[in-house]
PDB file of N, CA and C in Angstrom:
ATOM      1  N   MET A   1      16.333 -14.304 -11.386  1.00  0.00           N
ATOM      2  CA  MET A   1      16.383 -13.312 -12.441  1.00  0.00           C
ATOM      3  C   MET A   1      15.612 -13.787 -13.667  1.00  0.00           C
ATOM      4  N   LYS A   2      15.751 -15.046 -14.014  1.00  0.00           N
ATOM      5  CA  LYS A   2      15.095 -15.584 -15.211  1.00  0.00           C
ATOM      6  C   LYS A   2      13.576 -15.493 -15.082  1.00  0.00           C
ATOM      7  N   GLN A   3      13.043 -15.862 -13.933  1.00  0.00           N
ATOM      8  CA  GLN A   3      11.598 -15.798 -13.713  1.00  0.00           C
ATOM      9  C   GLN A   3      11.122 -14.347 -13.788  1.00  0.00           C
ATOM     10  N   PHE A   4      11.872 -13.436 -13.171  1.00  0.00           N
ATOM     11  CA  PHE A   4      11.535 -12.016 -13.216  1.00  0.00           C
ATOM     12  C   PHE A   4      11.483 -11.529 -14.658  1.00  0.00           C
ATOM     13  N   GLN A   5      12.491 -11.878 -15.443  1.00  0.00           N
ATOM     14  CA  GLN A   5      12.555 -11.457 -16.841  1.00  0.00           C
ATOM     15  C   GLN A   5      11.407 -12.061 -17.645  1.00  0.00           C
ATOM     16  N   ASP A   6      11.126 -13.342 -17.433  1.00  0.00           N
ATOM     17  CA  ASP A   6      10.047 -14.010 -18.168  1.00  0.00           C
ATOM     18  C   ASP A   6       8.682 -13.384 -17.876  1.00  0.00           C
ATOM     19  N   GLU A   7       8.476 -12.936 -16.631  1.00  0.00           N
ATOM     20  CA  GLU A   7       7.201 -12.332 -16.267  1.00  0.00           C
ATOM     21  C   GLU A   7       7.119 -10.863 -16.670  1.00  0.00           C
ATOM     22  N   LEU A   8       8.261 -10.183 -16.685  1.00  0.00           N
ATOM     23  CA  LEU A   8       8.262  -8.756 -16.973  1.00  0.00           C
ATOM     24  C   LEU A   8       8.192  -8.441 -18.467  1.00  0.00           C
ATOM     25  N   GLU A   9       8.837  -9.244 -19.288  1.00  0.00           N
ATOM     26  CA  GLU A   9       8.888  -8.951 -20.721  1.00  0.00           C
ATOM     27  C   GLU A   9       7.503  -8.821 -21.367  1.00  0.00           C
ATOM     28  N   PRO A  10       6.543  -9.710 -21.098  1.00  0.00           N
ATOM     29  CA  PRO A  10       5.207  -9.526 -21.695  1.00  0.00           C
ATOM     30  C   PRO A  10       4.531  -8.228 -21.242  1.00  0.00           C
ATOM     31  N   LEU A  11       4.717  -7.855 -19.984  1.00  0.00           N
ATOM     32  CA  LEU A  11       4.132  -6.619 -19.484  1.00  0.00           C
ATOM     33  C   LEU A  11       4.752  -5.399 -20.168  1.00  0.00           C
ATOM     34  N   LEU A  12       6.051  -5.413 -20.327  1.00  0.00           N
ATOM     35  CA  LEU A  12       6.727  -4.310 -20.999  1.00  0.00           C
ATOM     36  C   LEU A  12       6.306  -4.235 -22.465  1.00  0.00           C
ATOM     37  N   GLY A  13       6.148  -5.385 -23.096  1.00  0.00           N
ATOM     38  CA  GLY A  13       5.716  -5.420 -24.491  1.00  0.00           C
ATOM     39  C   GLY A  13       4.337  -4.824 -24.683  1.00  0.00           C
ATOM     40  N   LYS A  14       3.409  -5.133 -23.784  1.00  0.00           N
ATOM     41  CA  LYS A  14       2.046  -4.592 -23.876  1.00  0.00           C
ATOM     42  C   LYS A  14       2.024  -3.073 -23.761  1.00  0.00           C
ATOM     43  N   ARG A  15       2.962  -2.542 -22.987  1.00  0.00           N
ATOM     44  CA  ARG A  15       2.996  -1.098 -22.766  1.00  0.00           C
ATOM     45  C   ARG A  15       3.902  -0.363 -23.769  1.00  0.00           C
ATOM     46  N   GLY A  16       4.501  -1.103 -24.676  1.00  0.00           N
ATOM     47  CA  GLY A  16       5.354  -0.477 -25.674  1.00  0.00           C
ATOM     48  C   GLY A  16       6.744  -0.136 -25.183  1.00  0.00           C
ATOM     49  N   TRP A  17       7.196  -0.775 -24.114  1.00  0.00           N
ATOM     50  CA  TRP A  17       8.505  -0.496 -23.542  1.00  0.00           C
ATOM     51  C   TRP A  17       9.513  -1.587 -23.878  1.00  0.00           C
ATOM     52  N   LEU A  18       9.266  -2.329 -24.931  1.00  0.00           N
ATOM     53  CA  LEU A  18      10.150  -3.431 -25.308  1.00  0.00           C
ATOM     54  C   LEU A  18      10.348  -3.389 -26.816  1.00  0.00           C
ATOM     55  N   GLY A  19      11.523  -3.712 -27.263  1.00  0.00           N
ATOM     56  CA  GLY A  19      11.816  -3.713 -28.692  1.00  0.00           C
ATOM     57  C   GLY A  19      12.515  -2.434 -29.120  1.00  0.00           C
ATOM     58  N   LYS A  20      12.654  -2.269 -30.412  1.00  0.00           N
ATOM     59  CA  LYS A  20      13.330  -1.091 -30.950  1.00  0.00           C
ATOM     60  C   LYS A  20      12.312  -0.004 -31.261  1.00  0.00           C
ATOM     61  N   VAL A  21      12.682   1.237 -30.917  1.00  0.00           N
ATOM     62  CA  VAL A  21      11.791   2.381 -31.098  1.00  0.00           C
ATOM     63  C   VAL A  21      12.563   3.494 -31.797  1.00  0.00           C
ATOM     64  N   LEU A  22      11.912   4.125 -32.748  1.00  0.00           N
ATOM     65  CA  LEU A  22      12.501   5.264 -33.435  1.00  0.00           C
ATOM     66  C   LEU A  22      12.145   6.525 -32.647  1.00  0.00           C
ATOM     67  N   MET A  23      13.165   7.218 -32.175  1.00  0.00           N
ATOM     68  CA  MET A  23      12.961   8.427 -31.389  1.00  0.00           C
ATOM     69  C   MET A  23      12.698   9.615 -32.313  1.00  0.00           C
ATOM     70  N   GLU A  24      12.227  10.718 -31.737  1.00  0.00           N
ATOM     71  CA  GLU A  24      11.902  11.914 -32.514  1.00  0.00           C
ATOM     72  C   GLU A  24      13.110  12.481 -33.251  1.00  0.00           C
ATOM     73  N   ASP A  25      14.304  12.309 -32.653  1.00  0.00           N
ATOM     74  CA  ASP A  25      15.506  12.840 -33.296  1.00  0.00           C
ATOM     75  C   ASP A  25      16.062  11.903 -34.362  1.00  0.00           C
ATOM     76  N   GLY A  26      15.367  10.804 -34.642  1.00  0.00           N
ATOM     77  CA  GLY A  26      15.782   9.856 -35.667  1.00  0.00           C
ATOM     78  C   GLY A  26      16.656   8.727 -35.159  1.00  0.00           C
ATOM     79  N   ALA A  27      16.998   8.735 -33.886  1.00  0.00           N
ATOM     80  CA  ALA A  27      17.836   7.681 -33.315  1.00  0.00           C
ATOM     81  C   ALA A  27      16.993   6.434 -33.049  1.00  0.00           C
ATOM     82  N   MET A  28      17.567   5.281 -33.312  1.00  0.00           N
ATOM     83  CA  MET A  28      16.916   4.003 -33.021  1.00  0.00           C
ATOM     84  C   MET A  28      17.399   3.546 -31.643  1.00  0.00           C
ATOM     85  N   VAL A  29      16.465   3.304 -30.737  1.00  0.00           N
ATOM     86  CA  VAL A  29      16.784   2.925 -29.368  1.00  0.00           C
ATOM     87  C   VAL A  29      16.139   1.582 -29.064  1.00  0.00           C
ATOM     88  N   GLU A  30      16.896   0.697 -28.428  1.00  0.00           N
ATOM     89  CA  GLU A  30      16.349  -0.603 -28.029  1.00  0.00           C
ATOM     90  C   GLU A  30      15.932  -0.538 -26.563  1.00  0.00           C
ATOM     91  N   LEU A  31      14.665  -0.780 -26.311  1.00  0.00           N
ATOM     92  CA  LEU A  31      14.122  -0.760 -24.955  1.00  0.00           C
ATOM     93  C   LEU A  31      14.063  -2.186 -24.408  1.00  0.00           C
ATOM     94  N   GLY A  32      14.176  -2.321 -23.104  1.00  0.00           N
ATOM     95  CA  GLY A  32      14.039  -3.628 -22.475  1.00  0.00           C
ATOM     96  C   GLY A  32      15.160  -4.592 -22.777  1.00  0.00           C
ATOM     97  N   THR A  33      16.386  -4.099 -22.872  1.00  0.00           N
ATOM     98  CA  THR A  33      17.532  -4.966 -23.114  1.00  0.00           C
ATOM     99  C   THR A  33      17.786  -5.843 -21.895  1.00  0.00           C
ATOM    100  N   PRO A  34      18.492  -6.948 -22.051  1.00  0.00           N
ATOM    101  CA  PRO A  34      18.819  -7.778 -20.884  1.00  0.00           C
ATOM    102  C   PRO A  34      19.551  -6.991 -19.793  1.00  0.00           C
ATOM    103  N   ARG A  35      20.411  -6.073 -20.199  1.00  0.00           N
ATOM    104  CA  ARG A  35      21.132  -5.260 -19.218  1.00  0.00           C
ATOM    105  C   ARG A  35      20.157  -4.402 -18.417  1.00  0.00           C
ATOM    106  N   ARG A  36      19.201  -3.790 -19.097  1.00  0.00           N
ATOM    107  CA  ARG A  36      18.209  -2.948 -18.425  1.00  0.00           C
ATOM    108  C   ARG A  36      17.332  -3.777 -17.493  1.00  0.00           C
ATOM    109  N   LEU A  37      16.941  -4.961 -17.944  1.00  0.00           N
ATOM    110  CA  LEU A  37      16.124  -5.837 -17.089  1.00  0.00           C
ATOM    111  C   LEU A  37      16.897  -6.258 -15.847  1.00  0.00           C
ATOM    112  N   LYS A  38      18.211  -6.467 -15.974  1.00  0.00           N
ATOM    113  CA  LYS A  38      19.035  -6.824 -14.813  1.00  0.00           C
ATOM    114  C   LYS A  38      19.077  -5.664 -13.829  1.00  0.00           C
ATOM    115  N   ILE A  39      19.174  -4.436 -14.343  1.00  0.00           N
ATOM    116  CA  ILE A  39      19.169  -3.258 -13.474  1.00  0.00           C
ATOM    117  C   ILE A  39      17.838  -3.161 -12.730  1.00  0.00           C
ATOM    118  N   LEU A  40      16.738  -3.380 -13.440  1.00  0.00           N
ATOM    119  CA  LEU A  40      15.421  -3.357 -12.798  1.00  0.00           C
ATOM    120  C   LEU A  40      15.325  -4.428 -11.705  1.00  0.00           C
ATOM    121  N   TYR A  41      15.793  -5.626 -12.010  1.00  0.00           N
ATOM    122  CA  TYR A  41      15.756  -6.730 -11.050  1.00  0.00           C
ATOM    123  C   TYR A  41      16.571  -6.380  -9.799  1.00  0.00           C
ATOM    124  N   ASP A  42      17.808  -5.922 -10.016  1.00  0.00           N
ATOM    125  CA  ASP A  42      18.666  -5.584  -8.880  1.00  0.00           C
ATOM    126  C   ASP A  42      18.058  -4.476  -8.034  1.00  0.00           C
ATOM    127  N   THR A  43      17.489  -3.472  -8.684  1.00  0.00           N
ATOM    128  CA  THR A  43      16.864  -2.364  -7.960  1.00  0.00           C
ATOM    129  C   THR A  43      15.686  -2.854  -7.129  1.00  0.00           C
ATOM    130  N   HIS A  44      14.846  -3.702  -7.709  1.00  0.00           N
ATOM    131  CA  HIS A  44      13.691  -4.234  -6.975  1.00  0.00           C
ATOM    132  C   HIS A  44      14.137  -5.094  -5.791  1.00  0.00           C
ATOM    133  N   MET A  45      15.159  -5.893  -5.985  1.00  0.00           N
ATOM    134  CA  MET A  45      15.643  -6.750  -4.902  1.00  0.00           C
ATOM    135  C   MET A  45      16.216  -5.913  -3.755  1.00  0.00           C
ATOM    136  N   ARG A  46      16.990  -4.891  -4.092  1.00  0.00           N
ATOM    137  CA  ARG A  46      17.577  -4.044  -3.053  1.00  0.00           C
ATOM    138  C   ARG A  46      16.500  -3.249  -2.314  1.00  0.00           C
ATOM    139  N   THR A  47      15.506  -2.773  -3.050  1.00  0.00           N
ATOM    140  CA  THR A  47      14.418  -2.021  -2.427  1.00  0.00           C
ATOM    141  C   THR A  47      13.614  -2.912  -1.488  1.00  0.00           C
ATOM    142  N   ALA A  48      13.336  -4.130  -1.916  1.00  0.00           N
ATOM    143  CA  ALA A  48      12.602  -5.069  -1.065  1.00  0.00           C
ATOM    144  C   ALA A  48      13.393  -5.405   0.196  1.00  0.00           C
ATOM    145  N   ARG A  49      14.694  -5.586   0.045  1.00  0.00           N
ATOM    146  CA  ARG A  49      15.534  -5.886   1.214  1.00  0.00           C
ATOM    147  C   ARG A  49      15.533  -4.706   2.183  1.00  0.00           C
ATOM    148  N   ALA A  50      15.675  -3.487   1.659  1.00  0.00           N
ATOM    149  CA  ALA A  50      15.678  -2.296   2.508  1.00  0.00           C
ATOM    150  C   ALA A  50      14.336  -2.134   3.221  1.00  0.00           C
ATOM    151  N   ALA A  51      13.242  -2.422   2.527  1.00  0.00           N
ATOM    152  CA  ALA A  51      11.914  -2.335   3.154  1.00  0.00           C
ATOM    153  C   ALA A  51      11.801  -3.333   4.299  1.00  0.00           C
ATOM    154  N   GLY A  52      12.307  -4.535   4.096  1.00  0.00           N
ATOM    155  CA  GLY A  52      12.292  -5.536   5.159  1.00  0.00           C
ATOM    156  C   GLY A  52      13.145  -5.124   6.347  1.00  0.00           C
ATOM    157  N   GLN A  53      14.298  -4.525   6.071  1.00  0.00           N
ATOM    158  CA  GLN A  53      15.148  -4.057   7.161  1.00  0.00           C
ATOM    159  C   GLN A  53      14.458  -2.948   7.951  1.00  0.00           C
ATOM    160  N   TRP A  54      13.745  -2.056   7.235  1.00  0.00           N
ATOM    161  CA  TRP A  54      13.057  -0.965   7.928  1.00  0.00           C
ATOM    162  C   TRP A  54      11.935  -1.507   8.817  1.00  0.00           C
ATOM    163  N   VAL A  55      11.230  -2.517   8.363  1.00  0.00           N
ATOM    164  CA  VAL A  55      10.187  -3.144   9.188  1.00  0.00           C
ATOM    165  C   VAL A  55      10.816  -3.710  10.457  1.00  0.00           C
ATOM    166  N   ARG A  56      11.970  -4.348  10.314  1.00  0.00           N
ATOM    167  CA  ARG A  56      12.673  -4.892  11.486  1.00  0.00           C
ATOM    168  C   ARG A  56      13.097  -3.771  12.440  1.00  0.00           C
ATOM    169  N   ILE A  57      13.609  -2.676  11.897  1.00  0.00           N
ATOM    170  CA  ILE A  57      14.024  -1.534  12.721  1.00  0.00           C
ATOM    171  C   ILE A  57      12.832  -0.974  13.490  1.00  0.00           C
ATOM    172  N   GLU A  58      11.718  -0.783  12.803  1.00  0.00           N
ATOM    173  CA  GLU A  58      10.519  -0.258  13.460  1.00  0.00           C
ATOM    174  C   GLU A  58      10.012  -1.209  14.547  1.00  0.00           C
ATOM    175  N   ARG A  59      10.082  -2.494  14.281  1.00  0.00           N
ATOM    176  CA  ARG A  59       9.594  -3.494  15.246  1.00  0.00           C
ATOM    177  C   ARG A  59      10.450  -3.485  16.519  1.00  0.00           C
ATOM    178  N   ASN A  60      11.751  -3.201  16.386  1.00  0.00           N
ATOM    179  CA  ASN A  60      12.674  -3.268  17.522  1.00  0.00           C
ATOM    180  C   ASN A  60      13.053  -1.909  18.106  1.00  0.00           C
ATOM    181  N   LYS A  61      12.377  -0.831  17.683  1.00  0.00           N
ATOM    182  CA  LYS A  61      12.850   0.482  18.100  1.00  0.00           C
ATOM    183  C   LYS A  61      12.636   0.769  19.589  1.00  0.00           C
ATOM    184  N   ALA A  62      11.734   0.062  20.246  1.00  0.00           N
ATOM    185  CA  ALA A  62      11.575   0.260  21.688  1.00  0.00           C
ATOM    186  C   ALA A  62      12.833  -0.205  22.431  1.00  0.00           C
ATOM    187  N   ALA A  63      13.405  -1.309  21.992  1.00  0.00           N
ATOM    188  CA  ALA A  63      14.604  -1.847  22.643  1.00  0.00           C
ATOM    189  C   ALA A  63      15.880  -1.231  22.073  1.00  0.00           C
ATOM    190  N   LEU A  64      15.858  -0.871  20.792  1.00  0.00           N
ATOM    191  CA  LEU A  64      17.039  -0.305  20.126  1.00  0.00           C
ATOM    192  C   LEU A  64      16.628   1.011  19.442  1.00  0.00           C
ATOM    193  N   PRO A  65      16.539   2.103  20.210  1.00  0.00           N
ATOM    194  CA  PRO A  65      15.963   3.345  19.666  1.00  0.00           C
ATOM    195  C   PRO A  65      16.885   4.163  18.752  1.00  0.00           C
ATOM    196  N   TYR A  66      18.158   3.817  18.650  1.00  0.00           N
ATOM    197  CA  TYR A  66      19.085   4.626  17.865  1.00  0.00           C
ATOM    198  C   TYR A  66      19.567   3.878  16.630  1.00  0.00           C
ATOM    199  N   LEU A  67      19.685   4.621  15.522  1.00  0.00           N
ATOM    200  CA  LEU A  67      20.262   4.068  14.299  1.00  0.00           C
ATOM    201  C   LEU A  67      21.680   4.595  14.165  1.00  0.00           C
ATOM    202  N   ARG A  68      22.545   3.805  13.593  1.00  0.00           N
ATOM    203  CA  ARG A  68      23.933   4.210  13.386  1.00  0.00           C
ATOM    204  C   ARG A  68      24.235   4.159  11.901  1.00  0.00           C
ATOM    205  N   TYR A  69      24.761   5.242  11.362  1.00  0.00           N
ATOM    206  CA  TYR A  69      25.120   5.301   9.948  1.00  0.00           C
ATOM    207  C   TYR A  69      26.517   4.731   9.777  1.00  0.00           C
ATOM    208  N   GLY A  70      26.669   3.805   8.852  1.00  0.00           N
ATOM    209  CA  GLY A  70      27.976   3.219   8.577  1.00  0.00           C
ATOM    210  C   GLY A  70      28.335   3.371   7.118  1.00  0.00           C
ATOM    211  N   LEU A  71      29.575   3.694   6.848  1.00  0.00           N
ATOM    212  CA  LEU A  71      30.032   3.825   5.469  1.00  0.00           C
ATOM    213  C   LEU A  71      30.095   2.459   4.806  1.00  0.00           C
ATOM    214  N   GLY A  72      29.836   2.443   3.519  1.00  0.00           N
ATOM    215  CA  GLY A  72      29.902   1.203   2.752  1.00  0.00           C
ATOM    216  C   GLY A  72      31.336   0.847   2.397  1.00  0.00           C
ATOM    217  N   PRO A  73      31.514  -0.185   1.584  1.00  0.00           N
ATOM    218  CA  PRO A  73      32.850  -0.689   1.282  1.00  0.00           C
ATOM    219  C   PRO A  73      33.595   0.079   0.185  1.00  0.00           C
ATOM    220  N   SER A  74      33.067   1.209  -0.282  1.00  0.00           N
ATOM    221  CA  SER A  74      33.734   1.961  -1.347  1.00  0.00           C
ATOM    222  C   SER A  74      35.115   2.430  -0.913  1.00  0.00           C
ATOM    223  N   ARG A  75      36.001   2.568  -1.886  1.00  0.00           N
ATOM    224  CA  ARG A  75      37.345   3.071  -1.582  1.00  0.00           C
ATOM    225  C   ARG A  75      37.320   4.568  -1.312  1.00  0.00           C
ATOM    226  N   GLU A  76      36.460   5.271  -2.030  1.00  0.00           N
ATOM    227  CA  GLU A  76      36.345   6.719  -1.847  1.00  0.00           C
ATOM    228  C   GLU A  76      34.901   7.051  -1.494  1.00  0.00           C
ATOM    229  N   HIS A  77      34.757   7.907  -0.489  1.00  0.00           N
ATOM    230  CA  HIS A  77      33.427   8.295  -0.015  1.00  0.00           C
ATOM    231  C   HIS A  77      33.220   9.788  -0.243  1.00  0.00           C
ATOM    232  N   ARG A  78      31.977  10.154  -0.542  1.00  0.00           N
ATOM    233  CA  ARG A  78      31.658  11.568  -0.669  1.00  0.00           C
ATOM    234  C   ARG A  78      31.806  12.258   0.682  1.00  0.00           C
ATOM    235  N   LEU A  79      32.196  13.521   0.664  1.00  0.00           N
ATOM    236  CA  LEU A  79      32.415  14.251   1.911  1.00  0.00           C
ATOM    237  C   LEU A  79      31.168  14.281   2.782  1.00  0.00           C
ATOM    238  N   GLN A  80      29.984  14.366   2.154  1.00  0.00           N
ATOM    239  CA  GLN A  80      28.740  14.404   2.926  1.00  0.00           C
ATOM    240  C   GLN A  80      28.550  13.118   3.743  1.00  0.00           C
ATOM    241  N   HIS A  81      29.136  12.039   3.291  1.00  0.00           N
ATOM    242  CA  HIS A  81      28.942  10.748   3.963  1.00  0.00           C
ATOM    243  C   HIS A  81      30.005  10.484   5.022  1.00  0.00           C
ATOM    244  N   VAL A  82      31.117  11.135   4.898  1.00  0.00           N
ATOM    245  CA  VAL A  82      32.192  10.936   5.868  1.00  0.00           C
ATOM    246  C   VAL A  82      31.860  11.744   7.110  1.00  0.00           C
TER     247      VAL A  82
END
């Protein structure tokens, strides 16, 4: 996470997505907070993992042609998922 943040902050700064910004409605908003960077990091890691899993699925689909949907560990699931 630290390396990701160290590399991302300069890029965000160059594009104006870091620091405090005055919005049109007069509100002061802080962009690129540590919390936001953690969300970006987690999202990128999960997306990369899912992409790797899909490559594995495609590679093995001749031997394992069916996918099975499984519910996650949540206590409550949406009806569409049940």
